[in-house]
Amino acid sequence: MDLGELWAIFGPGVAGAVFGAGWWFWVDAVVCSSVTISFLHYLPGIFASLAALMFNSVRKDDIDYSPYEEGEWRLKLWLFIAYVVSFVSLAASVGLLIQDSLVKSGASVWTGTAGVLQCVFVLISGLIYWTCHSE
């Protein structure tokens, strides 16, 4: 077996474990928090998961890399929107981390850190799965 076959076999499991670890960080932060976490803090993780689902709905074989043909512009637009959603969710989680560190009466810094870790792990798991799955 070559490396590509092993990646195709074990990659989805690794992606699932990384995805689960990301959400585990967030659940731990919410459960261990001494204050009620607002729904606004949940949104970056939800949108990161949505972005991972968006760019995993595109097959790698369908992307046309030719600069001279128009190709599938809708597919490229969909991927662009998916990556914009993913980076906006990451930026929002960093913004909430900064807010949590500056405001003493709100959620703890661990909640903000867990939100950033959740977004990073969810997006990495989406990229792992996108590279390893085949149709």
C-alpha atoms as a PDB file:
ATOM      1  CA  MET A   1       0.000   0.000   0.000  1.00  0.00           C
ATOM      2  CA  ASP A   2       1.265   3.417  -0.864  1.00  0.00           C
ATOM      3  CA  LEU A   3       0.852   6.621   1.106  1.00  0.00           C
ATOM      4  CA  GLY A   4      -2.170   7.773  -0.934  1.00  0.00           C
ATOM      5  CA  GLU A   5      -4.105   4.617  -0.132  1.00  0.00           C
ATOM      6  CA  LEU A   6      -3.267   4.884   3.553  1.00  0.00           C
ATOM      7  CA  TRP A   7      -4.352   8.532   3.550  1.00  0.00           C
ATOM      8  CA  ALA A   8      -7.627   7.563   1.887  1.00  0.00           C
ATOM      9  CA  ILE A   9      -8.211   4.902   4.554  1.00  0.00           C
ATOM     10  CA  PHE A  10      -7.156   6.748   7.716  1.00  0.00           C
ATOM     11  CA  GLY A  11      -7.733  10.365   6.656  1.00  0.00           C
ATOM     12  CA  PRO A  12     -11.482  10.481   7.338  1.00  0.00           C
ATOM     13  CA  GLY A  13     -10.909   9.056  10.823  1.00  0.00           C
ATOM     14  CA  VAL A  14      -8.226  11.638  11.544  1.00  0.00           C
ATOM     15  CA  ALA A  15     -10.523  14.384  10.233  1.00  0.00           C
ATOM     16  CA  GLY A  16     -13.346  13.171  12.458  1.00  0.00           C
ATOM     17  CA  ALA A  17     -11.079  13.044  15.502  1.00  0.00           C
ATOM     18  CA  VAL A  18      -9.824  16.590  14.883  1.00  0.00           C
ATOM     19  CA  PHE A  19     -13.415  17.808  14.350  1.00  0.00           C
ATOM     20  CA  GLY A  20     -14.514  16.133  17.575  1.00  0.00           C
ATOM     21  CA  ALA A  21     -11.567  17.614  19.468  1.00  0.00           C
ATOM     22  CA  GLY A  22     -12.513  21.090  18.266  1.00  0.00           C
ATOM     23  CA  TRP A  23     -16.071  20.755  19.468  1.00  0.00           C
ATOM     24  CA  TRP A  24     -14.836  19.121  22.683  1.00  0.00           C
ATOM     25  CA  PHE A  25     -12.835  22.246  23.519  1.00  0.00           C
ATOM     26  CA  TRP A  26     -15.957  24.354  23.064  1.00  0.00           C
ATOM     27  CA  VAL A  27     -18.226  22.076  25.105  1.00  0.00           C
ATOM     28  CA  ASP A  28     -15.640  22.019  27.901  1.00  0.00           C
ATOM     29  CA  ALA A  29     -15.473  25.812  27.960  1.00  0.00           C
ATOM     30  CA  VAL A  30     -19.261  26.183  28.047  1.00  0.00           C
ATOM     31  CA  VAL A  31     -19.759  23.546  30.742  1.00  0.00           C
ATOM     32  CA  CYS A  32     -16.934  24.850  32.952  1.00  0.00           C
ATOM     33  CA  SER A  33     -17.911  28.513  32.591  1.00  0.00           C
ATOM     34  CA  SER A  34     -19.214  30.240  35.692  1.00  0.00           C
ATOM     35  CA  VAL A  35     -21.399  32.635  33.666  1.00  0.00           C
ATOM     36  CA  THR A  36     -23.967  31.987  30.973  1.00  0.00           C
ATOM     37  CA  ILE A  37     -22.375  32.064  27.536  1.00  0.00           C
ATOM     38  CA  SER A  38     -24.300  34.173  25.034  1.00  0.00           C
ATOM     39  CA  PHE A  39     -25.399  32.702  21.726  1.00  0.00           C
ATOM     40  CA  LEU A  40     -23.044  35.110  19.951  1.00  0.00           C
ATOM     41  CA  HIS A  41     -20.117  33.040  21.227  1.00  0.00           C
ATOM     42  CA  TYR A  42     -21.561  29.923  19.559  1.00  0.00           C
ATOM     43  CA  LEU A  43     -21.749  31.452  16.078  1.00  0.00           C
ATOM     44  CA  PRO A  44     -18.076  31.223  14.982  1.00  0.00           C
ATOM     45  CA  GLY A  45     -17.990  27.470  15.594  1.00  0.00           C
ATOM     46  CA  ILE A  46     -21.314  26.948  13.861  1.00  0.00           C
ATOM     47  CA  PHE A  47     -20.188  28.939  10.837  1.00  0.00           C
ATOM     48  CA  ALA A  48     -16.797  27.178  10.778  1.00  0.00           C
ATOM     49  CA  SER A  49     -18.634  23.843  10.658  1.00  0.00           C
ATOM     50  CA  LEU A  50     -20.867  25.184   7.907  1.00  0.00           C
ATOM     51  CA  ALA A  51     -17.825  26.376   5.937  1.00  0.00           C
ATOM     52  CA  ALA A  52     -16.176  22.959   6.264  1.00  0.00           C
ATOM     53  CA  LEU A  53     -19.366  21.384   4.945  1.00  0.00           C
ATOM     54  CA  MET A  54     -19.460  23.913   2.097  1.00  0.00           C
ATOM     55  CA  PHE A  55     -15.975  23.256   0.768  1.00  0.00           C
ATOM     56  CA  ASN A  56     -16.306  19.504   1.280  1.00  0.00           C
ATOM     57  CA  SER A  57     -19.319  19.479  -1.018  1.00  0.00           C
ATOM     58  CA  VAL A  58     -16.945  20.237  -3.927  1.00  0.00           C
ATOM     59  CA  ARG A  59     -15.039  17.397  -5.544  1.00  0.00           C
ATOM     60  CA  LYS A  60     -11.402  18.069  -6.312  1.00  0.00           C
ATOM     61  CA  ASP A  61     -11.833  16.503  -9.763  1.00  0.00           C
ATOM     62  CA  ASP A  62     -14.475  19.074 -10.742  1.00  0.00           C
ATOM     63  CA  ILE A  63     -12.135  22.048 -10.345  1.00  0.00           C
ATOM     64  CA  ASP A  64     -10.704  23.232 -13.663  1.00  0.00           C
ATOM     65  CA  TYR A  65      -7.310  24.853 -13.215  1.00  0.00           C
ATOM     66  CA  SER A  66      -6.938  26.007 -16.798  1.00  0.00           C
ATOM     67  CA  PRO A  67      -6.347  29.764 -16.998  1.00  0.00           C
ATOM     68  CA  TYR A  68      -7.596  29.948 -20.600  1.00  0.00           C
ATOM     69  CA  GLU A  69     -10.976  28.302 -20.190  1.00  0.00           C
ATOM     70  CA  GLU A  70     -13.803  29.720 -18.182  1.00  0.00           C
ATOM     71  CA  GLY A  71     -14.364  26.455 -16.352  1.00  0.00           C
ATOM     72  CA  GLU A  72     -16.931  26.144 -13.649  1.00  0.00           C
ATOM     73  CA  TRP A  73     -17.138  29.679 -12.302  1.00  0.00           C
ATOM     74  CA  ARG A  74     -20.036  28.758 -10.019  1.00  0.00           C
ATOM     75  CA  LEU A  75     -17.928  26.074  -8.400  1.00  0.00           C
ATOM     76  CA  LYS A  76     -15.038  28.466  -7.877  1.00  0.00           C
ATOM     77  CA  LEU A  77     -17.413  31.089  -6.486  1.00  0.00           C
ATOM     78  CA  TRP A  78     -18.848  28.500  -4.068  1.00  0.00           C
ATOM     79  CA  LEU A  79     -15.327  27.631  -2.879  1.00  0.00           C
ATOM     80  CA  PHE A  80     -14.479  31.311  -2.522  1.00  0.00           C
ATOM     81  CA  ILE A  81     -17.588  31.928  -0.412  1.00  0.00           C
ATOM     82  CA  ALA A  82     -16.782  28.851   1.699  1.00  0.00           C
ATOM     83  CA  TYR A  83     -13.288  30.123   2.407  1.00  0.00           C
ATOM     84  CA  VAL A  84     -14.580  33.611   3.173  1.00  0.00           C
ATOM     85  CA  VAL A  85     -17.054  32.144   5.677  1.00  0.00           C
ATOM     86  CA  SER A  86     -14.275  30.078   7.252  1.00  0.00           C
ATOM     87  CA  PHE A  87     -11.902  33.008   7.666  1.00  0.00           C
ATOM     88  CA  VAL A  88     -14.653  35.303   8.926  1.00  0.00           C
ATOM     89  CA  SER A  89     -15.583  32.712  11.549  1.00  0.00           C
ATOM     90  CA  LEU A  90     -11.946  32.486  12.591  1.00  0.00           C
ATOM     91  CA  ALA A  91     -11.681  36.287  12.782  1.00  0.00           C
ATOM     92  CA  ALA A  92     -14.897  36.449  14.812  1.00  0.00           C
ATOM     93  CA  SER A  93     -13.588  33.895  17.294  1.00  0.00           C
ATOM     94  CA  VAL A  94     -10.372  35.899  17.703  1.00  0.00           C
ATOM     95  CA  GLY A  95     -12.454  39.042  18.205  1.00  0.00           C
ATOM     96  CA  LEU A  96     -14.510  37.313  20.885  1.00  0.00           C
ATOM     97  CA  LEU A  97     -11.293  36.133  22.553  1.00  0.00           C
ATOM     98  CA  ILE A  98     -10.064  39.733  22.697  1.00  0.00           C
ATOM     99  CA  GLN A  99     -13.433  40.858  24.057  1.00  0.00           C
ATOM    100  CA  ASP A 100     -13.395  38.129  26.706  1.00  0.00           C
ATOM    101  CA  SER A 101      -9.907  39.118  27.809  1.00  0.00           C
ATOM    102  CA  LEU A 102     -10.794  42.816  28.112  1.00  0.00           C
ATOM    103  CA  VAL A 103     -14.210  42.546  29.794  1.00  0.00           C
ATOM    104  CA  LYS A 104     -13.988  41.171  33.343  1.00  0.00           C
ATOM    105  CA  SER A 105     -17.736  40.610  33.894  1.00  0.00           C
ATOM    106  CA  GLY A 106     -18.359  38.397  30.872  1.00  0.00           C
ATOM    107  CA  ALA A 107     -17.102  35.020  29.825  1.00  0.00           C
ATOM    108  CA  SER A 108     -13.633  33.871  30.848  1.00  0.00           C
ATOM    109  CA  VAL A 109     -10.558  33.961  28.659  1.00  0.00           C
ATOM    110  CA  TRP A 110     -10.729  30.172  28.409  1.00  0.00           C
ATOM    111  CA  THR A 111     -14.073  30.505  26.635  1.00  0.00           C
ATOM    112  CA  GLY A 112     -12.518  32.766  24.010  1.00  0.00           C
ATOM    113  CA  THR A 113      -9.476  30.517  23.671  1.00  0.00           C
ATOM    114  CA  ALA A 114     -11.685  27.460  23.271  1.00  0.00           C
ATOM    115  CA  GLY A 115     -13.668  29.274  20.571  1.00  0.00           C
ATOM    116  CA  VAL A 116     -10.485  29.964  18.611  1.00  0.00           C
ATOM    117  CA  LEU A 117      -9.292  26.376  19.055  1.00  0.00           C
ATOM    118  CA  GLN A 118     -12.707  25.120  17.967  1.00  0.00           C
ATOM    119  CA  CYS A 119     -12.636  27.139  14.748  1.00  0.00           C
ATOM    120  CA  VAL A 120      -9.060  26.176  13.949  1.00  0.00           C
ATOM    121  CA  PHE A 121      -9.636  22.471  14.579  1.00  0.00           C
ATOM    122  CA  VAL A 122     -12.939  22.377  12.673  1.00  0.00           C
ATOM    123  CA  LEU A 123     -11.410  24.099   9.648  1.00  0.00           C
ATOM    124  CA  ILE A 124      -8.318  21.875   9.741  1.00  0.00           C
ATOM    125  CA  SER A 125     -10.532  18.804   9.924  1.00  0.00           C
ATOM    126  CA  GLY A 126     -12.475  20.038   6.903  1.00  0.00           C
ATOM    127  CA  LEU A 127      -9.273  20.472   4.936  1.00  0.00           C
ATOM    128  CA  ILE A 128      -8.009  17.045   6.028  1.00  0.00           C
ATOM    129  CA  TYR A 129     -11.219  15.437   4.854  1.00  0.00           C
ATOM    130  CA  TRP A 130     -11.190  17.390   1.589  1.00  0.00           C
ATOM    131  CA  THR A 131      -7.696  16.134   0.775  1.00  0.00           C
ATOM    132  CA  CYS A 132      -8.338  12.494   1.659  1.00  0.00           C
ATOM    133  CA  HIS A 133     -11.814  11.658   0.383  1.00  0.00           C
ATOM    134  CA  SER A 134     -12.357  10.349  -3.092  1.00  0.00           C
ATOM    135  CA  GLU A 135     -15.510   9.679  -5.058  1.00  0.00           C
END
